[in-house]
PDB file of N, CA and C in Angstrom:
ATOM      1  N   MET A   1       0.826  -1.194   0.000  1.00  0.00           N
ATOM      2  CA  MET A   1       0.000   0.000   0.000  1.00  0.00           C
ATOM      3  C   MET A   1       0.866   1.251   0.000  1.00  0.00           C
ATOM      4  N   GLN A   2       1.972   1.243   0.768  1.00  0.00           N
ATOM      5  CA  GLN A   2       2.847   2.408   0.786  1.00  0.00           C
ATOM      6  C   GLN A   2       3.503   2.617  -0.575  1.00  0.00           C
ATOM      7  N   LEU A   3       3.891   1.526  -1.234  1.00  0.00           N
ATOM      8  CA  LEU A   3       4.509   1.628  -2.560  1.00  0.00           C
ATOM      9  C   LEU A   3       3.524   2.256  -3.543  1.00  0.00           C
ATOM     10  N   TYR A   4       2.260   1.857  -3.479  1.00  0.00           N
ATOM     11  CA  TYR A   4       1.234   2.426  -4.343  1.00  0.00           C
ATOM     12  C   TYR A   4       1.107   3.928  -4.114  1.00  0.00           C
ATOM     13  N   ALA A   5       1.105   4.354  -2.871  1.00  0.00           N
ATOM     14  CA  ALA A   5       1.000   5.784  -2.536  1.00  0.00           C
ATOM     15  C   ALA A   5       2.208   6.553  -3.053  1.00  0.00           C
ATOM     16  N   ILE A   6       3.404   5.959  -2.934  1.00  0.00           N
ATOM     17  CA  ILE A   6       4.621   6.618  -3.413  1.00  0.00           C
ATOM     18  C   ILE A   6       4.582   6.747  -4.936  1.00  0.00           C
ATOM     19  N   LEU A   7       4.215   5.639  -5.615  1.00  0.00           N
ATOM     20  CA  LEU A   7       4.142   5.679  -7.073  1.00  0.00           C
ATOM     21  C   LEU A   7       3.080   6.659  -7.563  1.00  0.00           C
ATOM     22  N   SER A   8       1.936   6.682  -6.903  1.00  0.00           N
ATOM     23  CA  SER A   8       0.868   7.614  -7.289  1.00  0.00           C
ATOM     24  C   SER A   8       1.326   9.052  -7.124  1.00  0.00           C
ATOM     25  N   GLY A   9       1.986   9.345  -6.027  1.00  0.00           N
ATOM     26  CA  GLY A   9       2.502  10.698  -5.787  1.00  0.00           C
ATOM     27  C   GLY A   9       3.551  11.083  -6.817  1.00  0.00           C
ATOM     28  N   THR A  10       4.411  10.129  -7.176  1.00  0.00           N
ATOM     29  CA  THR A  10       5.447  10.394  -8.177  1.00  0.00           C
ATOM     30  C   THR A  10       4.822  10.675  -9.533  1.00  0.00           C
ATOM     31  N   LEU A  11       3.815   9.893  -9.917  1.00  0.00           N
ATOM     32  CA  LEU A  11       3.146  10.108 -11.193  1.00  0.00           C
ATOM     33  C   LEU A  11       2.441  11.458 -11.243  1.00  0.00           C
ATOM     34  N   VAL A  12       1.825  11.853 -10.149  1.00  0.00           N
ATOM     35  CA  VAL A  12       1.162  13.161 -10.090  1.00  0.00           C
ATOM     36  C   VAL A  12       2.199  14.272 -10.238  1.00  0.00           C
ATOM     37  N   THR A  13       3.346  14.129  -9.596  1.00  0.00           N
ATOM     38  CA  THR A  13       4.409  15.124  -9.694  1.00  0.00           C
ATOM     39  C   THR A  13       4.929  15.223 -11.125  1.00  0.00           C
ATOM     40  N   ILE A  14       5.172  14.095 -11.756  1.00  0.00           N
ATOM     41  CA  ILE A  14       5.659  14.080 -13.135  1.00  0.00           C
ATOM     42  C   ILE A  14       4.621  14.715 -14.058  1.00  0.00           C
ATOM     43  N   ALA A  15       3.364  14.366 -13.898  1.00  0.00           N
ATOM     44  CA  ALA A  15       2.302  14.919 -14.736  1.00  0.00           C
ATOM     45  C   ALA A  15       2.195  16.426 -14.572  1.00  0.00           C
ATOM     46  N   SER A  16       2.328  16.918 -13.353  1.00  0.00           N
ATOM     47  CA  SER A  16       2.230  18.365 -13.148  1.00  0.00           C
ATOM     48  C   SER A  16       3.427  19.093 -13.734  1.00  0.00           C
ATOM     49  N   LEU A  17       4.607  18.462 -13.708  1.00  0.00           N
ATOM     50  CA  LEU A  17       5.783  19.075 -14.330  1.00  0.00           C
ATOM     51  C   LEU A  17       5.631  19.143 -15.844  1.00  0.00           C
ATOM     52  N   ILE A  18       5.112  18.086 -16.441  1.00  0.00           N
ATOM     53  CA  ILE A  18       4.894  18.066 -17.890  1.00  0.00           C
ATOM     54  C   ILE A  18       3.867  19.125 -18.282  1.00  0.00           C
ATOM     55  N   ALA A  19       2.828  19.276 -17.508  1.00  0.00           N
ATOM     56  CA  ALA A  19       1.775  20.242 -17.815  1.00  0.00           C
ATOM     57  C   ALA A  19       2.287  21.674 -17.784  1.00  0.00           C
ATOM     58  N   THR A  20       3.337  21.955 -17.020  1.00  0.00           N
ATOM     59  CA  THR A  20       3.850  23.319 -16.935  1.00  0.00           C
ATOM     60  C   THR A  20       4.857  23.644 -18.030  1.00  0.00           C
ATOM     61  N   LEU A  21       5.276  22.634 -18.807  1.00  0.00           N
ATOM     62  CA  LEU A  21       6.204  22.893 -19.900  1.00  0.00           C
ATOM     63  C   LEU A  21       5.482  23.645 -21.013  1.00  0.00           C
ATOM     64  N   PRO A  22       6.171  24.572 -21.681  1.00  0.00           N
ATOM     65  CA  PRO A  22       5.520  25.292 -22.779  1.00  0.00           C
ATOM     66  C   PRO A  22       5.239  24.358 -23.944  1.00  0.00           C
ATOM     67  N   ALA A  23       4.188  24.673 -24.699  1.00  0.00           N
ATOM     68  CA  ALA A  23       3.865  23.876 -25.881  1.00  0.00           C
ATOM     69  C   ALA A  23       5.001  24.008 -26.887  1.00  0.00           C
ATOM     70  N   ARG A  24       5.359  22.918 -27.514  1.00  0.00           N
ATOM     71  CA  ARG A  24       6.458  22.921 -28.462  1.00  0.00           C
ATOM     72  C   ARG A  24       5.937  23.238 -29.859  1.00  0.00           C
ATOM     73  N   ALA A  25       6.594  24.146 -30.507  1.00  0.00           N
ATOM     74  CA  ALA A  25       6.208  24.523 -31.860  1.00  0.00           C
ATOM     75  C   ALA A  25       7.255  24.022 -32.838  1.00  0.00           C
ATOM     76  N   ASP A  26       6.827  23.726 -34.041  1.00  0.00           N
ATOM     77  CA  ASP A  26       7.728  23.301 -35.098  1.00  0.00           C
ATOM     78  C   ASP A  26       7.823  24.408 -36.135  1.00  0.00           C
ATOM     79  N   THR A  27       9.047  24.757 -36.507  1.00  0.00           N
ATOM     80  CA  THR A  27       9.295  25.756 -37.536  1.00  0.00           C
ATOM     81  C   THR A  27      10.294  25.172 -38.520  1.00  0.00           C
ATOM     82  N   ALA A  28      10.034  25.368 -39.824  1.00  0.00           N
ATOM     83  CA  ALA A  28      10.936  24.828 -40.830  1.00  0.00           C
ATOM     84  C   ALA A  28      10.956  25.735 -42.053  1.00  0.00           C
ATOM     85  N   LYS A  29      12.128  25.799 -42.692  1.00  0.00           N
ATOM     86  CA  LYS A  29      12.242  26.511 -43.962  1.00  0.00           C
ATOM     87  C   LYS A  29      11.666  25.623 -45.055  1.00  0.00           C
ATOM     88  N   ALA A  30      10.993  26.260 -46.004  1.00  0.00           N
ATOM     89  CA  ALA A  30      10.349  25.512 -47.080  1.00  0.00           C
ATOM     90  C   ALA A  30      10.261  26.372 -48.329  1.00  0.00           C
ATOM     91  N   THR A  31       9.783  25.770 -49.397  1.00  0.00           N
ATOM     92  CA  THR A  31       9.392  26.503 -50.591  1.00  0.00           C
ATOM     93  C   THR A  31       7.888  26.326 -50.729  1.00  0.00           C
ATOM     94  N   CYS A  32       7.179  27.440 -50.868  1.00  0.00           N
ATOM     95  CA  CYS A  32       5.733  27.397 -51.021  1.00  0.00           C
ATOM     96  C   CYS A  32       5.368  27.753 -52.455  1.00  0.00           C
ATOM     97  N   THR A  33       4.432  27.011 -53.013  1.00  0.00           N
ATOM     98  CA  THR A  33       3.953  27.244 -54.370  1.00  0.00           C
ATOM     99  C   THR A  33       2.438  27.359 -54.323  1.00  0.00           C
ATOM    100  N   TYR A  34       1.908  28.409 -54.963  1.00  0.00           N
ATOM    101  CA  TYR A  34       0.460  28.600 -55.029  1.00  0.00           C
ATOM    102  C   TYR A  34       0.011  28.437 -56.478  1.00  0.00           C
ATOM    103  N   ILE A  35      -0.983  27.584 -56.682  1.00  0.00           N
ATOM    104  CA  ILE A  35      -1.547  27.332 -58.002  1.00  0.00           C
ATOM    105  C   ILE A  35      -3.055  27.561 -57.941  1.00  0.00           C
ATOM    106  N   LEU A  36      -3.570  28.383 -58.856  1.00  0.00           N
ATOM    107  CA  LEU A  36      -5.010  28.613 -58.927  1.00  0.00           C
ATOM    108  C   LEU A  36      -5.721  27.348 -59.366  1.00  0.00           C
ATOM    109  N   ASN A  37      -6.936  27.130 -58.871  1.00  0.00           N
ATOM    110  CA  ASN A  37      -7.761  26.008 -59.339  1.00  0.00           C
ATOM    111  C   ASN A  37      -7.999  26.155 -60.839  1.00  0.00           C
ATOM    112  N   GLU A  38      -8.193  25.040 -61.515  1.00  0.00           N
ATOM    113  CA  GLU A  38      -8.479  25.014 -62.945  1.00  0.00           C
ATOM    114  C   GLU A  38      -7.330  25.583 -63.779  1.00  0.00           C
ATOM    115  N   SER A  39      -6.117  25.554 -63.221  1.00  0.00           N
ATOM    116  CA  SER A  39      -4.974  26.095 -63.952  1.00  0.00           C
ATOM    117  C   SER A  39      -3.741  25.255 -63.653  1.00  0.00           C
ATOM    118  N   ASP A  40      -2.887  25.155 -64.630  1.00  0.00           N
ATOM    119  CA  ASP A  40      -1.610  24.497 -64.407  1.00  0.00           C
ATOM    120  C   ASP A  40      -0.525  25.534 -64.139  1.00  0.00           C
ATOM    121  N   LYS A  41      -0.924  26.798 -64.139  1.00  0.00           N
ATOM    122  CA  LYS A  41       0.025  27.894 -64.007  1.00  0.00           C
ATOM    123  C   LYS A  41       0.334  28.195 -62.540  1.00  0.00           C
ATOM    124  N   THR A  42       1.629  28.266 -62.235  1.00  0.00           N
ATOM    125  CA  THR A  42       2.058  28.651 -60.899  1.00  0.00           C
ATOM    126  C   THR A  42       1.864  30.150 -60.740  1.00  0.00           C
ATOM    127  N   GLU A  43       1.081  30.541 -59.752  1.00  0.00           N
ATOM    128  CA  GLU A  43       0.862  31.957 -59.478  1.00  0.00           C
ATOM    129  C   GLU A  43       2.002  32.545 -58.657  1.00  0.00           C
ATOM    130  N   ALA A  44       2.537  31.751 -57.745  1.00  0.00           N
ATOM    131  CA  ALA A  44       3.640  32.219 -56.896  1.00  0.00           C
ATOM    132  C   ALA A  44       4.450  31.034 -56.413  1.00  0.00           C
ATOM    133  N   ARG A  45       5.763  31.196 -56.393  1.00  0.00           N
ATOM    134  CA  ARG A  45       6.661  30.193 -55.822  1.00  0.00           C
ATOM    135  C   ARG A  45       7.813  30.958 -55.186  1.00  0.00           C
ATOM    136  N   MET A  46       8.028  30.697 -53.895  1.00  0.00           N
ATOM    137  CA  MET A  46       9.095  31.412 -53.194  1.00  0.00           C
ATOM    138  C   MET A  46       9.389  30.744 -51.858  1.00  0.00           C
ATOM    139  N   PRO A  47      10.514  31.114 -51.245  1.00  0.00           N
ATOM    140  CA  PRO A  47      10.813  30.596 -49.909  1.00  0.00           C
ATOM    141  C   PRO A  47       9.722  31.030 -48.925  1.00  0.00           C
ATOM    142  N   CYS A  48       9.484  30.177 -47.963  1.00  0.00           N
ATOM    143  CA  CYS A  48       8.523  30.482 -46.902  1.00  0.00           C
ATOM    144  C   CYS A  48       8.977  29.802 -45.616  1.00  0.00           C
ATOM    145  N   ILE A  49       8.341  30.178 -44.540  1.00  0.00           N
ATOM    146  CA  ILE A  49       8.572  29.542 -43.239  1.00  0.00           C
ATOM    147  C   ILE A  49       7.279  28.843 -42.850  1.00  0.00           C
ATOM    148  N   PHE A  50       7.390  27.566 -42.529  1.00  0.00           N
ATOM    149  CA  PHE A  50       6.262  26.754 -42.067  1.00  0.00           C
ATOM    150  C   PHE A  50       6.330  26.720 -40.550  1.00  0.00           C
ATOM    151  N   TYR A  51       5.251  27.103 -39.890  1.00  0.00           N
ATOM    152  CA  TYR A  51       5.177  27.104 -38.428  1.00  0.00           C
ATOM    153  C   TYR A  51       3.934  26.330 -38.017  1.00  0.00           C
ATOM    154  N   GLN A  52       4.096  25.425 -37.043  1.00  0.00           N
ATOM    155  CA  GLN A  52       2.954  24.664 -36.540  1.00  0.00           C
ATOM    156  C   GLN A  52       3.053  24.545 -35.034  1.00  0.00           C
ATOM    157  N   SER A  53       1.956  24.847 -34.357  1.00  0.00           N
ATOM    158  CA  SER A  53       1.878  24.707 -32.910  1.00  0.00           C
ATOM    159  C   SER A  53       0.467  24.293 -32.530  1.00  0.00           C
ATOM    160  N   GLN A  54       0.342  23.165 -31.874  1.00  0.00           N
ATOM    161  CA  GLN A  54      -0.937  22.635 -31.407  1.00  0.00           C
ATOM    162  C   GLN A  54      -1.976  22.612 -32.530  1.00  0.00           C
ATOM    163  N   GLY A  55      -1.538  22.208 -33.725  1.00  0.00           N
ATOM    164  CA  GLY A  55      -2.435  22.082 -34.856  1.00  0.00           C
ATOM    165  C   GLY A  55      -2.563  23.338 -35.703  1.00  0.00           C
ATOM    166  N   HIS A  56      -2.296  24.501 -35.134  1.00  0.00           N
ATOM    167  CA  HIS A  56      -2.369  25.776 -35.852  1.00  0.00           C
ATOM    168  C   HIS A  56      -1.181  25.871 -36.805  1.00  0.00           C
ATOM    169  N   ILE A  57      -1.433  26.198 -38.071  1.00  0.00           N
ATOM    170  CA  ILE A  57      -0.379  26.278 -39.081  1.00  0.00           C
ATOM    171  C   ILE A  57      -0.319  27.684 -39.652  1.00  0.00           C
ATOM    172  N   VAL A  58       0.910  28.204 -39.761  1.00  0.00           N
ATOM    173  CA  VAL A  58       1.133  29.507 -40.377  1.00  0.00           C
ATOM    174  C   VAL A  58       2.217  29.345 -41.436  1.00  0.00           C
ATOM    175  N   LEU A  59       1.938  29.838 -42.638  1.00  0.00           N
ATOM    176  CA  LEU A  59       2.932  29.900 -43.707  1.00  0.00           C
ATOM    177  C   LEU A  59       3.279  31.364 -43.912  1.00  0.00           C
ATOM    178  N   SER A  60       4.529  31.718 -43.664  1.00  0.00           N
ATOM    179  CA  SER A  60       4.988  33.094 -43.863  1.00  0.00           C
ATOM    180  C   SER A  60       5.796  33.135 -45.147  1.00  0.00           C
ATOM    181  N   TRP A  61       5.219  33.698 -46.179  1.00  0.00           N
ATOM    182  CA  TRP A  61       5.848  33.779 -47.497  1.00  0.00           C
ATOM    183  C   TRP A  61       6.899  34.883 -47.489  1.00  0.00           C
ATOM    184  N   GLU A  62       7.914  34.735 -48.314  1.00  0.00           N
ATOM    185  CA  GLU A  62       9.010  35.693 -48.382  1.00  0.00           C
ATOM    186  C   GLU A  62       8.532  37.111 -48.727  1.00  0.00           C
ATOM    187  N   ASP A  63       7.444  37.226 -49.491  1.00  0.00           N
ATOM    188  CA  ASP A  63       6.950  38.543 -49.893  1.00  0.00           C
ATOM    189  C   ASP A  63       6.066  39.209 -48.841  1.00  0.00           C
ATOM    190  N   GLY A  64       5.933  38.569 -47.666  1.00  0.00           N
ATOM    191  CA  GLY A  64       5.158  39.159 -46.577  1.00  0.00           C
ATOM    192  C   GLY A  64       3.750  38.619 -46.430  1.00  0.00           C
ATOM    193  N   VAL A  65       3.277  37.854 -47.395  1.00  0.00           N
ATOM    194  CA  VAL A  65       1.948  37.243 -47.297  1.00  0.00           C
ATOM    195  C   VAL A  65       1.979  36.171 -46.212  1.00  0.00           C
ATOM    196  N   VAL A  66       0.908  36.087 -45.437  1.00  0.00           N
ATOM    197  CA  VAL A  66       0.796  35.074 -44.387  1.00  0.00           C
ATOM    198  C   VAL A  66      -0.475  34.261 -44.622  1.00  0.00           C
ATOM    199  N   SER A  67      -0.319  32.949 -44.665  1.00  0.00           N
ATOM    200  CA  SER A  67      -1.455  32.029 -44.758  1.00  0.00           C
ATOM    201  C   SER A  67      -1.613  31.400 -43.384  1.00  0.00           C
ATOM    202  N   ASP A  68      -2.771  31.600 -42.771  1.00  0.00           N
ATOM    203  CA  ASP A  68      -3.016  31.212 -41.385  1.00  0.00           C
ATOM    204  C   ASP A  68      -4.139  30.186 -41.346  1.00  0.00           C
ATOM    205  N   PHE A  69      -3.841  28.959 -40.896  1.00  0.00           N
ATOM    206  CA  PHE A  69      -4.810  27.877 -40.879  1.00  0.00           C
ATOM    207  C   PHE A  69      -5.040  27.371 -39.451  1.00  0.00           C
ATOM    208  N   MET A  70      -6.280  27.475 -38.991  1.00  0.00           N
ATOM    209  CA  MET A  70      -6.668  26.976 -37.668  1.00  0.00           C
ATOM    210  C   MET A  70      -7.391  25.643 -37.828  1.00  0.00           C
ATOM    211  N   PRO A  71      -7.054  24.657 -36.978  1.00  0.00           N
ATOM    212  CA  PRO A  71      -7.709  23.350 -37.102  1.00  0.00           C
ATOM    213  C   PRO A  71      -9.222  23.448 -36.879  1.00  0.00           C
ATOM    214  N   GLU A  72      -9.956  22.693 -37.648  1.00  0.00           N
ATOM    215  CA  GLU A  72     -11.410  22.612 -37.518  1.00  0.00           C
ATOM    216  C   GLU A  72     -11.700  21.541 -36.464  1.00  0.00           C
ATOM    217  N   PRO A  73     -12.313  21.902 -35.340  1.00  0.00           N
ATOM    218  CA  PRO A  73     -12.543  20.942 -34.269  1.00  0.00           C
ATOM    219  C   PRO A  73     -13.294  19.693 -34.738  1.00  0.00           C
ATOM    220  N   GLY A  74     -12.757  18.541 -34.369  1.00  0.00           N
ATOM    221  CA  GLY A  74     -13.398  17.271 -34.670  1.00  0.00           C
ATOM    222  C   GLY A  74     -13.214  16.784 -36.097  1.00  0.00           C
ATOM    223  N   ARG A  75     -12.421  17.494 -36.904  1.00  0.00           N
ATOM    224  CA  ARG A  75     -12.215  17.098 -38.306  1.00  0.00           C
ATOM    225  C   ARG A  75     -10.717  17.036 -38.587  1.00  0.00           C
ATOM    226  N   SER A  76     -10.209  15.836 -38.672  1.00  0.00           N
ATOM    227  CA  SER A  76      -8.788  15.626 -38.913  1.00  0.00           C
ATOM    228  C   SER A  76      -8.382  16.168 -40.278  1.00  0.00           C
ATOM    229  N   MET A  77      -7.267  16.905 -40.312  1.00  0.00           N
ATOM    230  CA  MET A  77      -6.679  17.437 -41.541  1.00  0.00           C
ATOM    231  C   MET A  77      -7.566  18.475 -42.233  1.00  0.00           C
ATOM    232  N   VAL A  78      -8.496  19.076 -41.492  1.00  0.00           N
ATOM    233  CA  VAL A  78      -9.352  20.127 -42.024  1.00  0.00           C
ATOM    234  C   VAL A  78      -9.128  21.383 -41.193  1.00  0.00           C
ATOM    235  N   TYR A  79      -8.981  22.512 -41.887  1.00  0.00           N
ATOM    236  CA  TYR A  79      -8.656  23.784 -41.245  1.00  0.00           C
ATOM    237  C   TYR A  79      -9.587  24.878 -41.761  1.00  0.00           C
ATOM    238  N   ARG A  80      -9.516  26.025 -41.100  1.00  0.00           N
ATOM    239  CA  ARG A  80     -10.158  27.249 -41.573  1.00  0.00           C
ATOM    240  C   ARG A  80      -9.052  28.269 -41.807  1.00  0.00           C
ATOM    241  N   ASP A  81      -9.132  28.976 -42.940  1.00  0.00           N
ATOM    242  CA  ASP A  81      -8.138  30.013 -43.183  1.00  0.00           C
ATOM    243  C   ASP A  81      -8.557  31.308 -42.495  1.00  0.00           C
ATOM    244  N   GLN A  82      -7.751  32.357 -42.629  1.00  0.00           N
ATOM    245  CA  GLN A  82      -8.008  33.617 -41.932  1.00  0.00           C
ATOM    246  C   GLN A  82      -9.297  34.288 -42.391  1.00  0.00           C
ATOM    247  N   ASN A  83      -9.862  33.844 -43.519  1.00  0.00           N
ATOM    248  CA  ASN A  83     -11.123  34.395 -44.011  1.00  0.00           C
ATOM    249  C   ASN A  83     -12.310  33.485 -43.716  1.00  0.00           C
ATOM    250  N   GLY A  84     -12.064  32.381 -43.015  1.00  0.00           N
ATOM    251  CA  GLY A  84     -13.132  31.456 -42.663  1.00  0.00           C
ATOM    252  C   GLY A  84     -13.359  30.340 -43.672  1.00  0.00           C
ATOM    253  N   GLY A  85     -12.563  30.321 -44.749  1.00  0.00           N
ATOM    254  CA  GLY A  85     -12.716  29.282 -45.766  1.00  0.00           C
ATOM    255  C   GLY A  85     -12.145  27.948 -45.318  1.00  0.00           C
ATOM    256  N   ILE A  86     -12.696  26.877 -45.858  1.00  0.00           N
ATOM    257  CA  ILE A  86     -12.237  25.522 -45.536  1.00  0.00           C
ATOM    258  C   ILE A  86     -10.929  25.232 -46.272  1.00  0.00           C
ATOM    259  N   VAL A  87     -10.005  24.580 -45.566  1.00  0.00           N
ATOM    260  CA  VAL A  87      -8.717  24.174 -46.131  1.00  0.00           C
ATOM    261  C   VAL A  87      -8.523  22.699 -45.799  1.00  0.00           C
ATOM    262  N   TYR A  88      -8.214  21.903 -46.815  1.00  0.00           N
ATOM    263  CA  TYR A  88      -7.956  20.477 -46.618  1.00  0.00           C
ATOM    264  C   TYR A  88      -6.458  20.234 -46.754  1.00  0.00           C
ATOM    265  N   ARG A  89      -5.878  19.576 -45.760  1.00  0.00           N
ATOM    266  CA  ARG A  89      -4.446  19.280 -45.770  1.00  0.00           C
ATOM    267  C   ARG A  89      -4.224  17.825 -46.155  1.00  0.00           C
ATOM    268  N   ARG A  90      -3.221  17.616 -46.986  1.00  0.00           N
ATOM    269  CA  ARG A  90      -2.828  16.256 -47.356  1.00  0.00           C
ATOM    270  C   ARG A  90      -1.318  16.153 -47.206  1.00  0.00           C
ATOM    271  N   LEU A  91      -0.867  15.070 -46.600  1.00  0.00           N
ATOM    272  CA  LEU A  91       0.557  14.818 -46.426  1.00  0.00           C
ATOM    273  C   LEU A  91       0.991  13.794 -47.453  1.00  0.00           C
ATOM    274  N   GLY A  92       1.870  14.207 -48.366  1.00  0.00           N
ATOM    275  CA  GLY A  92       2.349  13.292 -49.395  1.00  0.00           C
ATOM    276  C   GLY A  92       3.485  12.430 -48.900  1.00  0.00           C
ATOM    277  N   ARG A  93       3.651  11.293 -49.521  1.00  0.00           N
ATOM    278  CA  ARG A  93       4.748  10.392 -49.155  1.00  0.00           C
ATOM    279  C   ARG A  93       6.107  11.007 -49.452  1.00  0.00           C
ATOM    280  N   ASP A  94       6.114  11.957 -50.381  1.00  0.00           N
ATOM    281  CA  ASP A  94       7.356  12.608 -50.761  1.00  0.00           C
ATOM    282  C   ASP A  94       7.700  13.782 -49.854  1.00  0.00           C
ATOM    283  N   GLY A  95       6.948  13.970 -48.774  1.00  0.00           N
ATOM    284  CA  GLY A  95       7.215  15.043 -47.830  1.00  0.00           C
ATOM    285  C   GLY A  95       6.546  16.357 -48.181  1.00  0.00           C
ATOM    286  N   VAL A  96       5.761  16.374 -49.256  1.00  0.00           N
ATOM    287  CA  VAL A  96       5.069  17.591 -49.657  1.00  0.00           C
ATOM    288  C   VAL A  96       3.751  17.698 -48.893  1.00  0.00           C
ATOM    289  N   ASN A  97       3.514  18.870 -48.288  1.00  0.00           N
ATOM    290  CA  ASN A  97       2.230  19.163 -47.658  1.00  0.00           C
ATOM    291  C   ASN A  97       1.401  19.928 -48.677  1.00  0.00           C
ATOM    292  N   THR A  98       0.173  19.510 -48.895  1.00  0.00           N
ATOM    293  CA  THR A  98      -0.715  20.176 -49.833  1.00  0.00           C
ATOM    294  C   THR A  98      -1.893  20.753 -49.054  1.00  0.00           C
ATOM    295  N   PHE A  99      -2.180  22.021 -49.292  1.00  0.00           N
ATOM    296  CA  PHE A  99      -3.308  22.699 -48.661  1.00  0.00           C
ATOM    297  C   PHE A  99      -4.270  23.133 -49.765  1.00  0.00           C
ATOM    298  N   LYS A 100      -5.406  22.428 -49.876  1.00  0.00           N
ATOM    299  CA  LYS A 100      -6.405  22.690 -50.919  1.00  0.00           C
ATOM    300  C   LYS A 100      -7.438  23.647 -50.368  1.00  0.00           C
ATOM    301  N   MET A 101      -7.565  24.795 -51.041  1.00  0.00           N
ATOM    302  CA  MET A 101      -8.499  25.833 -50.618  1.00  0.00           C
ATOM    303  C   MET A 101      -9.548  26.050 -51.702  1.00  0.00           C
ATOM    304  N   GLU A 102     -10.481  26.937 -51.446  1.00  0.00           N
ATOM    305  CA  GLU A 102     -11.567  27.197 -52.394  1.00  0.00           C
ATOM    306  C   GLU A 102     -11.043  27.655 -53.755  1.00  0.00           C
ATOM    307  N   ASN A 103     -10.056  28.542 -53.769  1.00  0.00           N
ATOM    308  CA  ASN A 103      -9.592  29.126 -55.029  1.00  0.00           C
ATOM    309  C   ASN A 103      -8.275  28.577 -55.551  1.00  0.00           C
ATOM    310  N   GLY A 104      -7.595  27.789 -54.753  1.00  0.00           N
ATOM    311  CA  GLY A 104      -6.304  27.294 -55.193  1.00  0.00           C
ATOM    312  C   GLY A 104      -5.691  26.308 -54.219  1.00  0.00           C
ATOM    313  N   THR A 105      -4.451  25.940 -54.529  1.00  0.00           N
ATOM    314  CA  THR A 105      -3.740  24.967 -53.734  1.00  0.00           C
ATOM    315  C   THR A 105      -2.343  25.491 -53.411  1.00  0.00           C
ATOM    316  N   ILE A 106      -1.912  25.261 -52.181  1.00  0.00           N
ATOM    317  CA  ILE A 106      -0.537  25.586 -51.781  1.00  0.00           C
ATOM    318  C   ILE A 106       0.205  24.284 -51.571  1.00  0.00           C
ATOM    319  N   TRP A 107       1.368  24.178 -52.209  1.00  0.00           N
ATOM    320  CA  TRP A 107       2.279  23.059 -51.980  1.00  0.00           C
ATOM    321  C   TRP A 107       3.413  23.565 -51.124  1.00  0.00           C
ATOM    322  N   VAL A 108       3.751  22.819 -50.078  1.00  0.00           N
ATOM    323  CA  VAL A 108       4.855  23.181 -49.197  1.00  0.00           C
ATOM    324  C   VAL A 108       5.894  22.061 -49.273  1.00  0.00           C
ATOM    325  N   VAL A 109       7.081  22.416 -49.768  1.00  0.00           N
ATOM    326  CA  VAL A 109       8.181  21.455 -49.884  1.00  0.00           C
ATOM    327  C   VAL A 109       9.279  21.903 -48.916  1.00  0.00           C
ATOM    328  N   PHE A 110       9.627  21.034 -48.001  1.00  0.00           N
ATOM    329  CA  PHE A 110      10.617  21.383 -46.979  1.00  0.00           C
ATOM    330  C   PHE A 110      12.030  21.269 -47.526  1.00  0.00           C
ATOM    331  N   LYS A 111      12.877  22.178 -47.076  1.00  0.00           N
ATOM    332  CA  LYS A 111      14.278  22.198 -47.533  1.00  0.00           C
ATOM    333  C   LYS A 111      15.122  21.253 -46.723  1.00  0.00           C
TER     334      LYS A 111
END
């Protein structure tokens, strides 16, 4: 019984320490490409920064444009952009992240 109490107390201590750690964010350099729907023409291709924290994704394009995607609760790989539009994310086997939006698609290729 004493061992159980010691282990329970230790687990509670460990859990509380983990809970106080800051959320870890991922940031990576990438190349972002934007293609309009119904077109094979690249509208924009340039270096960007991919940032993700707790499901929230931000793409900061070299020209200052920011694409901001918030996870849609209860829907895996579905987001809302800064204008409220639906964004579908797909992870390719080749490491390319694809974000399909109403008017176009963004491809993110990590460096």
